[in-house]
Amino acid sequence: MPLNNGYGVLIGTLQNYYRDPPDDFGRYYHGNLVIHTPGGNYKCAIDVDPKNMPDGIQWRAVGVRNLDFAAISALADGWHPLTLDPSSGALDYIRSTVLHPPVIIHLLRYSSCLNRLLSWLRWNPPWKSGTGFQALTELEAVIEEGTRFFVFGEPFSSGLGVHNIHQNQGDPVGGGFDAENWIWQDGGTIVLKPDGRLVGFLNKFKTQSFKTDDQGRPL
């Protein structure tokens, strides 16, 4: 089912960033962005809880093409609800061409095999698995020097904030989180850099499937 409080994108500038205090075992559960908008500051909790696994978090940093992201970039700073379909600009880790741009467009720009490989890795890097500490270290590299932030997820039920900033489909049926499985409602953090590049930080749990049906259930 879709997320209880809806889905959308928060746009603004970075006011602050901090990690949750580590637990007794040195595990981090959230990286917290405080995003400034004309309507106030929003807390955005990026979940990197490893679920008691040594490598329970998966993540990757991807290049996002400005052309593909133009409709979202044109929105004003603030919170924007999005319908759960590709036309709204919603993210889907599995289906979204914004996150998986057509390979041939990039490969045809280059003649050498090495440049083709480098281009492919920029737009479609492999997923990494590890701890919350490792994931947050890479998140912090992505957000560094960001001039504008686009945070996708579910709004808080009260107060200003966004959570479920991670993949929101593919959870095992009966595992406790499968009630929120649905397509076109994945969370993520996309950052505009000073040079005009857009970089996205995508994160999921190792228990979530990379393949889902049309209701977000794992295949």
C-alpha atoms as a PDB file:
ATOM      1  CA  MET A   1       0.000   0.000   0.000  1.00  0.00           C
ATOM      2  CA  PRO A   2       1.121   3.599  -0.486  1.00  0.00           C
ATOM      3  CA  LEU A   3       2.771   5.432   2.396  1.00  0.00           C
ATOM      4  CA  ASN A   4       0.322   6.517   5.108  1.00  0.00           C
ATOM      5  CA  ASN A   5       0.937  10.269   4.953  1.00  0.00           C
ATOM      6  CA  GLY A   6       1.559  10.639   1.260  1.00  0.00           C
ATOM      7  CA  TYR A   7       4.698  11.159  -0.753  1.00  0.00           C
ATOM      8  CA  GLY A   8       6.519  14.079  -2.283  1.00  0.00           C
ATOM      9  CA  VAL A   9       9.706  16.104  -2.585  1.00  0.00           C
ATOM     10  CA  LEU A  10      11.119  18.762  -0.291  1.00  0.00           C
ATOM     11  CA  ILE A  11      13.249  21.411  -1.985  1.00  0.00           C
ATOM     12  CA  GLY A  12      15.502  23.892  -0.232  1.00  0.00           C
ATOM     13  CA  THR A  13      18.985  24.686   1.017  1.00  0.00           C
ATOM     14  CA  LEU A  14      21.002  22.931   3.699  1.00  0.00           C
ATOM     15  CA  GLN A  15      20.703  24.552   7.117  1.00  0.00           C
ATOM     16  CA  ASN A  16      22.429  21.796   9.091  1.00  0.00           C
ATOM     17  CA  TYR A  17      23.470  18.160   9.032  1.00  0.00           C
ATOM     18  CA  TYR A  18      24.163  15.741  11.875  1.00  0.00           C
ATOM     19  CA  ARG A  19      24.263  12.037  12.607  1.00  0.00           C
ATOM     20  CA  ASP A  20      22.193  10.364  15.290  1.00  0.00           C
ATOM     21  CA  PRO A  21      24.378   9.518  18.295  1.00  0.00           C
ATOM     22  CA  PRO A  22      25.822   6.010  17.828  1.00  0.00           C
ATOM     23  CA  ASP A  23      24.482   3.172  19.982  1.00  0.00           C
ATOM     24  CA  ASP A  24      26.610   1.091  22.347  1.00  0.00           C
ATOM     25  CA  PHE A  25      27.931  -0.892  19.376  1.00  0.00           C
ATOM     26  CA  GLY A  26      28.914   2.145  17.312  1.00  0.00           C
ATOM     27  CA  ARG A  27      26.006   1.808  14.886  1.00  0.00           C
ATOM     28  CA  TYR A  28      24.407   4.863  13.314  1.00  0.00           C
ATOM     29  CA  TYR A  29      20.723   4.812  12.465  1.00  0.00           C
ATOM     30  CA  HIS A  30      20.079   8.139  10.712  1.00  0.00           C
ATOM     31  CA  GLY A  31      21.830  10.966   8.961  1.00  0.00           C
ATOM     32  CA  ASN A  32      19.738  14.095   9.481  1.00  0.00           C
ATOM     33  CA  LEU A  33      19.480  16.933   6.986  1.00  0.00           C
ATOM     34  CA  VAL A  34      17.888  20.172   8.133  1.00  0.00           C
ATOM     35  CA  ILE A  35      16.539  21.793   4.972  1.00  0.00           C
ATOM     36  CA  HIS A  36      15.624  25.475   4.926  1.00  0.00           C
ATOM     37  CA  THR A  37      12.528  26.508   2.977  1.00  0.00           C
ATOM     38  CA  PRO A  38      10.348  29.647   2.974  1.00  0.00           C
ATOM     39  CA  GLY A  39       7.872  27.716   5.143  1.00  0.00           C
ATOM     40  CA  GLY A  40      10.431  26.778   7.781  1.00  0.00           C
ATOM     41  CA  ASN A  41      13.171  24.264   8.469  1.00  0.00           C
ATOM     42  CA  TYR A  42      12.423  20.583   7.818  1.00  0.00           C
ATOM     43  CA  LYS A  43      14.210  17.681   9.488  1.00  0.00           C
ATOM     44  CA  CYS A  44      14.936  14.924   6.959  1.00  0.00           C
ATOM     45  CA  ALA A  45      15.895  11.600   8.551  1.00  0.00           C
ATOM     46  CA  ILE A  46      17.831   9.316   6.181  1.00  0.00           C
ATOM     47  CA  ASP A  47      17.541   5.790   7.574  1.00  0.00           C
ATOM     48  CA  VAL A  48      20.702   3.653   7.571  1.00  0.00           C
ATOM     49  CA  ASP A  49      19.732   1.155  10.275  1.00  0.00           C
ATOM     50  CA  PRO A  50      21.599  -2.091   9.405  1.00  0.00           C
ATOM     51  CA  LYS A  51      18.833  -4.247  10.961  1.00  0.00           C
ATOM     52  CA  ASN A  52      21.336  -6.178  13.105  1.00  0.00           C
ATOM     53  CA  MET A  53      23.256  -7.261  10.000  1.00  0.00           C
ATOM     54  CA  PRO A  54      26.965  -6.528   9.449  1.00  0.00           C
ATOM     55  CA  ASP A  55      26.244  -5.191   5.950  1.00  0.00           C
ATOM     56  CA  GLY A  56      22.521  -4.510   6.088  1.00  0.00           C
ATOM     57  CA  ILE A  57      22.571  -1.200   4.181  1.00  0.00           C
ATOM     58  CA  GLN A  58      22.907  -0.837   0.419  1.00  0.00           C
ATOM     59  CA  TRP A  59      23.537   2.461  -1.325  1.00  0.00           C
ATOM     60  CA  ARG A  60      24.924   4.114  -4.407  1.00  0.00           C
ATOM     61  CA  ALA A  61      25.616   7.645  -5.624  1.00  0.00           C
ATOM     62  CA  VAL A  62      24.338   8.275  -9.152  1.00  0.00           C
ATOM     63  CA  GLY A  63      24.641  11.046 -11.699  1.00  0.00           C
ATOM     64  CA  VAL A  64      21.278  12.585 -12.624  1.00  0.00           C
ATOM     65  CA  ARG A  65      20.849  14.258 -15.996  1.00  0.00           C
ATOM     66  CA  ASN A  66      19.663  17.858 -15.708  1.00  0.00           C
ATOM     67  CA  LEU A  67      17.272  17.408 -18.636  1.00  0.00           C
ATOM     68  CA  ASP A  68      15.549  14.453 -16.975  1.00  0.00           C
ATOM     69  CA  PHE A  69      15.194  16.392 -13.727  1.00  0.00           C
ATOM     70  CA  ALA A  70      14.107  19.720 -15.235  1.00  0.00           C
ATOM     71  CA  ALA A  71      10.466  19.552 -14.086  1.00  0.00           C
ATOM     72  CA  ILE A  72      11.429  19.010 -10.437  1.00  0.00           C
ATOM     73  CA  SER A  73      14.250  21.584 -10.613  1.00  0.00           C
ATOM     74  CA  ALA A  74      11.762  24.199 -11.808  1.00  0.00           C
ATOM     75  CA  LEU A  75       9.640  23.871  -8.645  1.00  0.00           C
ATOM     76  CA  ALA A  76       9.910  26.499  -5.921  1.00  0.00           C
ATOM     77  CA  ASP A  77      11.560  25.718  -2.599  1.00  0.00           C
ATOM     78  CA  GLY A  78       9.183  23.985  -0.195  1.00  0.00           C
ATOM     79  CA  TRP A  79       7.193  20.754   0.080  1.00  0.00           C
ATOM     80  CA  HIS A  80       5.497  19.371  -3.048  1.00  0.00           C
ATOM     81  CA  PRO A  81       3.175  16.320  -2.947  1.00  0.00           C
ATOM     82  CA  LEU A  82       3.709  13.960  -5.884  1.00  0.00           C
ATOM     83  CA  THR A  83       1.357  11.433  -7.404  1.00  0.00           C
ATOM     84  CA  LEU A  84       2.673   7.870  -7.535  1.00  0.00           C
ATOM     85  CA  ASP A  85       3.463   7.697 -11.226  1.00  0.00           C
ATOM     86  CA  PRO A  86       6.362   8.622 -13.515  1.00  0.00           C
ATOM     87  CA  SER A  87       4.720  11.780 -14.867  1.00  0.00           C
ATOM     88  CA  SER A  88       4.872  13.555 -11.483  1.00  0.00           C
ATOM     89  CA  GLY A  89       8.630  13.257 -11.049  1.00  0.00           C
ATOM     90  CA  ALA A  90       8.288  10.587  -8.352  1.00  0.00           C
ATOM     91  CA  LEU A  91      11.268   8.269  -7.884  1.00  0.00           C
ATOM     92  CA  ASP A  92      11.289   4.526  -8.391  1.00  0.00           C
ATOM     93  CA  TYR A  93      14.664   2.839  -7.877  1.00  0.00           C
ATOM     94  CA  ILE A  94      13.720   0.050 -10.267  1.00  0.00           C
ATOM     95  CA  ARG A  95      11.691   1.827 -12.960  1.00  0.00           C
ATOM     96  CA  SER A  96      12.758   5.476 -13.081  1.00  0.00           C
ATOM     97  CA  THR A  97      14.688   6.602 -16.152  1.00  0.00           C
ATOM     98  CA  VAL A  98      15.959   9.575 -14.112  1.00  0.00           C
ATOM     99  CA  LEU A  99      17.938   7.068 -12.053  1.00  0.00           C
ATOM    100  CA  HIS A 100      18.618   4.698 -14.976  1.00  0.00           C
ATOM    101  CA  PRO A 101      19.125   6.886 -18.054  1.00  0.00           C
ATOM    102  CA  PRO A 102      19.147   5.095 -21.415  1.00  0.00           C
ATOM    103  CA  VAL A 103      22.623   3.676 -21.797  1.00  0.00           C
ATOM    104  CA  ILE A 104      22.945   4.141 -25.542  1.00  0.00           C
ATOM    105  CA  ILE A 105      22.598   7.943 -25.323  1.00  0.00           C
ATOM    106  CA  HIS A 106      25.748   8.138 -23.243  1.00  0.00           C
ATOM    107  CA  LEU A 107      27.750   5.427 -24.951  1.00  0.00           C
ATOM    108  CA  LEU A 108      27.340   6.944 -28.401  1.00  0.00           C
ATOM    109  CA  ARG A 109      29.125  10.096 -27.262  1.00  0.00           C
ATOM    110  CA  TYR A 110      32.393   8.252 -26.837  1.00  0.00           C
ATOM    111  CA  SER A 111      34.604   6.303 -29.194  1.00  0.00           C
ATOM    112  CA  SER A 112      36.972   4.484 -26.835  1.00  0.00           C
ATOM    113  CA  CYS A 113      35.991   1.472 -24.759  1.00  0.00           C
ATOM    114  CA  LEU A 114      37.502   3.038 -21.643  1.00  0.00           C
ATOM    115  CA  ASN A 115      35.419   6.174 -21.926  1.00  0.00           C
ATOM    116  CA  ARG A 116      32.324   4.084 -22.555  1.00  0.00           C
ATOM    117  CA  LEU A 117      32.985   2.144 -19.377  1.00  0.00           C
ATOM    118  CA  LEU A 118      33.597   5.306 -17.348  1.00  0.00           C
ATOM    119  CA  SER A 119      30.373   6.820 -18.683  1.00  0.00           C
ATOM    120  CA  TRP A 120      28.410   3.691 -17.805  1.00  0.00           C
ATOM    121  CA  LEU A 121      29.791   3.652 -14.261  1.00  0.00           C
ATOM    122  CA  ARG A 122      28.940   7.319 -13.734  1.00  0.00           C
ATOM    123  CA  TRP A 123      25.293   6.845 -14.623  1.00  0.00           C
ATOM    124  CA  ASN A 124      24.807   3.283 -13.353  1.00  0.00           C
ATOM    125  CA  PRO A 125      27.307   2.579 -10.549  1.00  0.00           C
ATOM    126  CA  PRO A 126      27.014  -0.709  -8.647  1.00  0.00           C
ATOM    127  CA  TRP A 127      25.245  -0.899  -5.311  1.00  0.00           C
ATOM    128  CA  LYS A 128      27.479  -1.092  -2.258  1.00  0.00           C
ATOM    129  CA  SER A 129      26.694  -3.038   0.909  1.00  0.00           C
ATOM    130  CA  GLY A 130      27.940  -2.185   4.370  1.00  0.00           C
ATOM    131  CA  THR A 131      27.276  -0.460   7.655  1.00  0.00           C
ATOM    132  CA  GLY A 132      25.394   2.702   8.470  1.00  0.00           C
ATOM    133  CA  PHE A 133      28.735   4.361   9.186  1.00  0.00           C
ATOM    134  CA  GLN A 134      29.975   3.570   5.673  1.00  0.00           C
ATOM    135  CA  ALA A 135      26.731   4.702   4.057  1.00  0.00           C
ATOM    136  CA  LEU A 136      26.696   7.996   5.942  1.00  0.00           C
ATOM    137  CA  THR A 137      30.311   8.657   4.992  1.00  0.00           C
ATOM    138  CA  GLU A 138      29.330   8.473   1.329  1.00  0.00           C
ATOM    139  CA  LEU A 139      26.164  10.503   1.899  1.00  0.00           C
ATOM    140  CA  GLU A 140      28.281  13.248   3.459  1.00  0.00           C
ATOM    141  CA  ALA A 141      30.510  13.321   0.382  1.00  0.00           C
ATOM    142  CA  VAL A 142      27.414  13.732  -1.813  1.00  0.00           C
ATOM    143  CA  ILE A 143      25.909  16.591   0.205  1.00  0.00           C
ATOM    144  CA  GLU A 144      29.205  18.465   0.536  1.00  0.00           C
ATOM    145  CA  GLU A 145      29.021  21.899  -1.118  1.00  0.00           C
ATOM    146  CA  GLY A 146      25.455  21.257  -2.246  1.00  0.00           C
ATOM    147  CA  THR A 147      23.671  24.441  -3.280  1.00  0.00           C
ATOM    148  CA  ARG A 148      20.121  23.051  -3.497  1.00  0.00           C
ATOM    149  CA  PHE A 149      18.598  19.868  -2.102  1.00  0.00           C
ATOM    150  CA  PHE A 150      15.741  17.669  -3.322  1.00  0.00           C
ATOM    151  CA  VAL A 151      14.651  15.168  -0.667  1.00  0.00           C
ATOM    152  CA  PHE A 152      12.033  12.581  -1.649  1.00  0.00           C
ATOM    153  CA  GLY A 153      10.001  10.699   0.938  1.00  0.00           C
ATOM    154  CA  GLU A 154       7.003  10.785   3.278  1.00  0.00           C
ATOM    155  CA  PRO A 155       6.113  13.895   5.309  1.00  0.00           C
ATOM    156  CA  PHE A 156       5.963  13.682   9.092  1.00  0.00           C
ATOM    157  CA  SER A 157       2.465  13.171  10.486  1.00  0.00           C
ATOM    158  CA  SER A 158       3.049  16.283  12.626  1.00  0.00           C
ATOM    159  CA  GLY A 159       5.665  19.005  12.433  1.00  0.00           C
ATOM    160  CA  LEU A 160       7.991  19.800   9.564  1.00  0.00           C
ATOM    161  CA  GLY A 161       9.983  16.834   8.395  1.00  0.00           C
ATOM    162  CA  VAL A 162      10.446  13.997   5.920  1.00  0.00           C
ATOM    163  CA  HIS A 163      11.176  10.325   6.590  1.00  0.00           C
ATOM    164  CA  ASN A 164      11.088   7.051   4.667  1.00  0.00           C
ATOM    165  CA  ILE A 165      13.990   8.483   2.668  1.00  0.00           C
ATOM    166  CA  HIS A 166      14.948   5.114   1.223  1.00  0.00           C
ATOM    167  CA  GLN A 167      13.521   2.479  -1.106  1.00  0.00           C
ATOM    168  CA  ASN A 168       9.869   1.921  -0.215  1.00  0.00           C
ATOM    169  CA  GLN A 169       9.158  -1.298  -2.085  1.00  0.00           C
ATOM    170  CA  GLY A 170      10.447  -4.850  -2.151  1.00  0.00           C
ATOM    171  CA  ASP A 171      10.169  -5.522   1.598  1.00  0.00           C
ATOM    172  CA  PRO A 172       9.607  -9.227   2.317  1.00  0.00           C
ATOM    173  CA  VAL A 173       5.953 -10.156   2.718  1.00  0.00           C
ATOM    174  CA  GLY A 174       5.284 -10.756   6.402  1.00  0.00           C
ATOM    175  CA  GLY A 175       8.519  -9.039   7.422  1.00  0.00           C
ATOM    176  CA  GLY A 176       6.835  -6.154   9.222  1.00  0.00           C
ATOM    177  CA  PHE A 177       7.396  -3.389   6.663  1.00  0.00           C
ATOM    178  CA  ASP A 178       5.620  -4.860   3.645  1.00  0.00           C
ATOM    179  CA  ALA A 179       2.459  -2.828   4.314  1.00  0.00           C
ATOM    180  CA  GLU A 180       4.286   0.174   2.823  1.00  0.00           C
ATOM    181  CA  ASN A 181       5.366  -1.601  -0.374  1.00  0.00           C
ATOM    182  CA  TRP A 182       4.329   0.333  -3.483  1.00  0.00           C
ATOM    183  CA  ILE A 183       5.874   1.576  -6.707  1.00  0.00           C
ATOM    184  CA  TRP A 184       6.790   5.193  -7.581  1.00  0.00           C
ATOM    185  CA  GLN A 185       7.237   6.286  -3.977  1.00  0.00           C
ATOM    186  CA  ASP A 186      10.919   5.702  -3.253  1.00  0.00           C
ATOM    187  CA  GLY A 187      12.818   8.159  -1.099  1.00  0.00           C
ATOM    188  CA  GLY A 188      16.170   9.632  -2.021  1.00  0.00           C
ATOM    189  CA  THR A 189      18.403  12.684  -1.804  1.00  0.00           C
ATOM    190  CA  ILE A 190      19.421  14.587  -4.934  1.00  0.00           C
ATOM    191  CA  VAL A 191      21.911  17.441  -4.612  1.00  0.00           C
ATOM    192  CA  LEU A 192      22.740  20.279  -6.989  1.00  0.00           C
ATOM    193  CA  LYS A 193      26.468  21.026  -7.007  1.00  0.00           C
ATOM    194  CA  PRO A 194      28.089  24.437  -7.659  1.00  0.00           C
ATOM    195  CA  ASP A 195      29.179  23.325 -11.129  1.00  0.00           C
ATOM    196  CA  GLY A 196      25.594  22.466 -12.096  1.00  0.00           C
ATOM    197  CA  ARG A 197      25.877  18.705 -11.701  1.00  0.00           C
ATOM    198  CA  LEU A 198      23.100  16.746  -9.994  1.00  0.00           C
ATOM    199  CA  VAL A 199      24.143  13.828  -7.781  1.00  0.00           C
ATOM    200  CA  GLY A 200      21.707  11.446  -6.139  1.00  0.00           C
ATOM    201  CA  PHE A 201      22.225   9.356  -3.004  1.00  0.00           C
ATOM    202  CA  LEU A 202      20.019   6.259  -3.059  1.00  0.00           C
ATOM    203  CA  ASN A 203      19.725   3.901  -0.106  1.00  0.00           C
ATOM    204  CA  LYS A 204      17.878   0.697   0.666  1.00  0.00           C
ATOM    205  CA  PHE A 205      17.998  -2.229   3.065  1.00  0.00           C
ATOM    206  CA  LYS A 206      19.635  -5.486   2.058  1.00  0.00           C
ATOM    207  CA  THR A 207      16.384  -7.301   2.844  1.00  0.00           C
ATOM    208  CA  GLN A 208      14.569  -5.363   0.079  1.00  0.00           C
ATOM    209  CA  SER A 209      14.339  -6.923  -3.352  1.00  0.00           C
ATOM    210  CA  PHE A 210      15.789  -5.372  -6.521  1.00  0.00           C
ATOM    211  CA  LYS A 211      12.772  -6.701  -8.453  1.00  0.00           C
ATOM    212  CA  THR A 212       9.119  -6.004  -7.648  1.00  0.00           C
ATOM    213  CA  ASP A 213       5.681  -6.452  -9.168  1.00  0.00           C
ATOM    214  CA  ASP A 214       3.267  -3.633 -10.045  1.00  0.00           C
ATOM    215  CA  GLN A 215       2.280  -3.290  -6.389  1.00  0.00           C
ATOM    216  CA  GLY A 216       5.828  -3.098  -5.087  1.00  0.00           C
ATOM    217  CA  ARG A 217       5.902  -6.626  -3.725  1.00  0.00           C
ATOM    218  CA  PRO A 218       9.171  -8.562  -4.061  1.00  0.00           C
ATOM    219  CA  LEU A 219       9.521 -11.001  -6.930  1.00  0.00           C
END
